[in-house]
Amino acid sequence: MQITEVKVFPVNEERLKAYVTITIDNCFVIRDLKVIRGHEGLFVAMPSRKRKDGQFKDIAHPLNQETRSAIEEAVFEEYEREIRSMGESLGDLKKDYDED
């Protein structure tokens, strides 16, 4: 599996930092991944749907840590690039979070 494209759409919200779309092997697209600022820094949340009981359930997700790590690495790399093009850095965002 190769992640062949990552598109990052930054947002200016307290916890939600970006929506992300990835393409795998130039033939499979996954939309609505999210970069979220959590208690321990940024993380990638998989696309999910709210169930009737109020809980969220992932619609699509990796089945092993190797795949999850590959997705996170590709997403964070593109997120960093996008944020830098806007004049900020991922390190600055993490620093700002650590000061909160």
Protein backbone atom coordinates (compact mmCIF):
# COMPACT_ATOMS: atom_id res chain seq x y z
CA MET A 1 0.00 0.00 0.00
CA GLN A 2 1.26 3.43 -0.90
CA ILE A 3 -0.33 6.74 -0.01
CA THR A 4 -0.12 8.54 -3.32
CA GLU A 5 -1.85 11.83 -2.46
CA VAL A 6 -2.69 13.81 0.66
CA LYS A 7 -4.83 16.95 0.60
CA VAL A 8 -5.04 19.04 3.76
CA PHE A 9 -7.76 21.61 4.37
CA PRO A 10 -6.83 23.66 7.48
CA VAL A 11 -9.57 25.06 9.71
CA ASN A 12 -9.33 27.58 12.51
CA GLU A 13 -11.05 25.85 15.41
CA GLU A 14 -9.92 25.16 18.96
CA ARG A 15 -9.43 21.39 18.65
CA LEU A 16 -10.03 20.61 14.97
CA LYS A 17 -7.02 21.77 12.96
CA ALA A 18 -7.67 20.31 9.50
CA TYR A 19 -9.74 17.98 7.36
CA VAL A 20 -7.72 15.58 5.23
CA THR A 21 -8.32 13.46 2.14
CA ILE A 22 -5.89 10.68 1.24
CA THR A 23 -5.55 8.58 -1.89
CA ILE A 24 -4.11 5.07 -1.69
CA ASP A 25 -2.35 3.50 -4.70
CA ASN A 26 -3.90 6.12 -7.02
CA CYS A 27 -7.17 4.17 -6.86
CA PHE A 28 -8.86 4.49 -3.45
CA VAL A 29 -9.86 7.75 -1.72
CA ILE A 30 -10.63 8.26 1.97
CA ARG A 31 -12.18 11.61 2.90
CA ASP A 32 -12.85 13.31 6.23
CA LEU A 33 -9.82 12.27 8.21
CA LYS A 34 -9.18 14.98 10.80
CA VAL A 35 -6.12 16.48 12.45
CA ILE A 36 -7.17 17.11 16.03
CA ARG A 37 -5.37 18.74 18.94
CA GLY A 38 -5.76 16.40 21.90
CA HIS A 39 -4.39 16.34 25.44
CA GLU A 40 -1.05 14.94 24.26
CA GLY A 41 -0.64 16.88 21.02
CA LEU A 42 -1.90 16.42 17.49
CA PHE A 43 -3.37 13.17 16.22
CA VAL A 44 -5.16 11.88 13.14
CA ALA A 45 -8.77 10.80 13.61
CA MET A 46 -10.30 8.44 11.08
CA PRO A 47 -13.62 9.26 9.39
CA SER A 48 -16.51 8.43 11.70
CA ARG A 49 -20.26 8.57 12.01
CA LYS A 50 -22.34 9.37 15.09
CA ARG A 51 -24.53 6.45 16.12
CA LYS A 52 -28.01 6.73 17.59
CA ASP A 53 -26.60 6.14 21.08
CA GLY A 54 -24.39 9.23 20.68
CA GLN A 55 -21.10 7.37 20.29
CA PHE A 56 -18.88 7.76 17.24
CA LYS A 57 -17.88 4.74 15.17
CA ASP A 58 -15.07 4.77 12.61
CA ILE A 59 -16.26 4.29 9.03
CA ALA A 60 -12.80 3.34 7.79
CA HIS A 61 -9.64 2.66 9.77
CA PRO A 62 -6.29 0.86 9.49
CA LEU A 63 -6.16 -2.71 10.73
CA ASN A 64 -2.59 -2.56 12.04
CA GLN A 65 -0.12 -0.12 13.57
CA GLU A 66 2.16 -0.14 10.51
CA THR A 67 -0.62 1.17 8.28
CA ARG A 68 -1.79 3.68 10.90
CA SER A 69 1.78 5.00 11.24
CA ALA A 70 2.16 5.33 7.45
CA ILE A 71 -1.10 7.31 7.24
CA GLU A 72 -0.17 9.55 10.18
CA GLU A 73 3.30 10.22 8.78
CA ALA A 74 1.94 11.20 5.37
CA VAL A 75 -0.82 13.36 6.89
CA PHE A 76 1.48 15.17 9.32
CA GLU A 77 4.07 15.78 6.60
CA GLU A 78 1.49 17.41 4.33
CA TYR A 79 -0.14 19.24 7.26
CA GLU A 80 3.26 20.71 8.18
CA ARG A 81 3.82 21.77 4.55
CA GLU A 82 0.39 23.40 4.36
CA ILE A 83 0.80 25.23 7.67
CA ARG A 84 4.29 26.44 6.68
CA SER A 85 2.86 27.83 3.47
CA MET A 86 0.46 29.79 5.68
CA GLY A 87 3.37 31.14 7.76
CA GLU A 88 3.24 28.84 10.80
CA SER A 89 4.99 25.63 11.73
CA LEU A 90 3.76 22.45 13.34
CA GLY A 91 6.34 23.00 16.10
CA ASP A 92 4.84 26.42 16.86
CA LEU A 93 1.38 24.89 17.05
CA LYS A 94 2.61 22.20 19.44
CA LYS A 95 4.42 24.85 21.50
CA ASP A 96 1.26 26.97 21.67
CA TYR A 97 -0.65 23.92 22.82
CA ASP A 98 1.92 23.05 25.49
CA GLU A 99 1.57 26.57 26.91
CA ASP A 100 -2.23 26.23 27.31
